[in-house]
Amino acid sequence: MKKVMLVCNAGMSTGILAKKIEAASGNTLEVKAYSESEYKDYLDGVDLVLIGPQIRFLKPQIAAAVDVPVEAISPMKYGIMDGKGVYEDIKKLIGG
């Protein structure tokens, strides 16, 4: 099972999106959300890091801190909590 980490300011709304992505994947992905202050403690086994649009300016800093691909979540998909749409993006990035 591939592991995807979502990183945002506090991990609250992103936690809702994480559940929607897992459901859209038919539970073939493990998706967890963390705040940008704690994500480094949970990187073990992660295949992809997605960052919330509100902190996309941190992408270079986060990418330098991890050994896996880092992408920003589309603001449109994030805004409507489009778990299926984000899952489609994940499949393009790391397969599914």
Protein backbone atom coordinates (compact mmCIF):
# COMPACT_ATOMS: atom_id res chain seq x y z
CA MET A 1 0.00 0.00 0.00
CA LYS A 2 1.37 3.38 -0.98
CA LYS A 3 1.51 6.10 1.63
CA VAL A 4 0.69 9.72 0.88
CA MET A 5 1.23 12.56 3.32
CA LEU A 6 -0.76 15.78 3.17
CA VAL A 7 0.85 18.79 4.81
CA CYS A 8 -0.93 22.05 5.66
CA ASN A 9 -0.97 24.75 8.32
CA ALA A 10 -2.76 22.80 11.03
CA GLY A 11 -3.85 19.49 9.47
CA MET A 12 -7.57 20.07 10.13
CA SER A 13 -9.30 20.52 6.77
CA THR A 14 -6.58 18.46 5.13
CA GLY A 15 -7.59 15.58 7.43
CA ILE A 16 -11.05 15.62 5.83
CA LEU A 17 -9.50 15.59 2.36
CA ALA A 18 -7.21 12.69 3.38
CA LYS A 19 -10.27 10.55 4.23
CA LYS A 20 -11.91 11.44 0.91
CA ILE A 21 -8.75 10.50 -1.03
CA GLU A 22 -8.52 7.15 0.79
CA ALA A 23 -12.17 6.45 -0.04
CA ALA A 24 -11.67 7.44 -3.70
CA SER A 25 -8.70 5.07 -3.90
CA GLY A 26 -10.82 2.16 -2.65
CA ASN A 27 -8.50 2.13 0.38
CA THR A 28 -5.49 1.25 -1.80
CA LEU A 29 -3.70 4.34 -0.44
CA GLU A 30 -2.90 5.26 3.13
CA VAL A 31 -3.35 9.03 3.39
CA LYS A 32 -2.51 11.00 6.52
CA ALA A 33 -2.53 14.74 7.18
CA TYR A 34 -0.05 16.63 9.32
CA SER A 35 0.76 20.22 10.09
CA GLU A 36 3.88 21.71 8.56
CA SER A 37 5.41 21.91 12.03
CA GLU A 38 5.19 18.12 12.61
CA TYR A 39 5.34 16.34 9.23
CA LYS A 40 9.06 15.53 9.50
CA ASP A 41 8.30 13.15 12.39
CA TYR A 42 6.07 10.97 10.17
CA LEU A 43 7.99 10.55 6.90
CA ASP A 44 8.79 6.84 7.33
CA GLY A 45 7.60 4.88 4.30
CA VAL A 46 5.90 7.86 2.64
CA ASP A 47 5.81 7.71 -1.19
CA LEU A 48 4.52 11.23 -1.89
CA VAL A 49 4.06 14.51 -0.01
CA LEU A 50 1.21 16.79 -1.07
CA ILE A 51 1.06 20.28 0.39
CA GLY A 52 -2.00 22.41 0.91
CA PRO A 53 -2.39 25.42 -1.38
CA GLN A 54 -2.16 27.81 1.56
CA ILE A 55 1.47 26.77 2.19
CA ARG A 56 2.59 26.08 -1.39
CA PHE A 57 5.26 28.76 -0.93
CA LEU A 58 7.01 26.21 1.36
CA LYS A 59 7.33 23.63 -1.43
CA PRO A 60 11.09 24.19 -2.03
CA GLN A 61 11.82 23.97 1.71
CA ILE A 62 9.73 20.80 2.15
CA ALA A 63 11.17 19.21 -1.01
CA ALA A 64 14.69 19.79 0.34
CA ALA A 65 13.75 18.03 3.59
CA VAL A 66 12.35 14.82 2.05
CA ASP A 67 13.48 12.11 -0.39
CA VAL A 68 10.14 11.72 -2.21
CA PRO A 69 8.18 13.81 -4.72
CA VAL A 70 6.49 16.94 -3.34
CA GLU A 71 3.57 18.60 -5.09
CA ALA A 72 1.03 21.27 -4.18
CA ILE A 73 -2.65 20.31 -4.15
CA SER A 74 -4.71 22.18 -6.73
CA PRO A 75 -6.46 25.10 -4.96
CA MET A 76 -9.69 24.28 -6.83
CA LYS A 77 -9.67 20.61 -5.79
CA TYR A 78 -8.69 21.54 -2.24
CA GLY A 79 -11.43 24.15 -1.99
CA ILE A 80 -14.18 21.69 -2.87
CA MET A 81 -12.52 18.78 -1.02
CA ASP A 82 -12.35 16.78 -4.28
CA GLY A 83 -10.86 13.52 -3.02
CA LYS A 84 -11.45 11.75 -6.34
CA GLY A 85 -9.73 14.53 -8.30
CA VAL A 86 -6.71 14.57 -5.98
CA TYR A 87 -6.56 10.76 -6.18
CA GLU A 88 -6.39 11.04 -9.99
CA ASP A 89 -3.48 13.48 -9.58
CA ILE A 90 -1.74 11.06 -7.21
CA LYS A 91 -2.08 8.21 -9.73
CA LYS A 92 -0.35 10.39 -12.34
CA LEU A 93 2.48 11.14 -9.90
CA ILE A 94 3.18 7.73 -8.32
CA GLY A 95 0.82 5.28 -9.96
CA GLY A 96 -2.10 3.74 -8.19
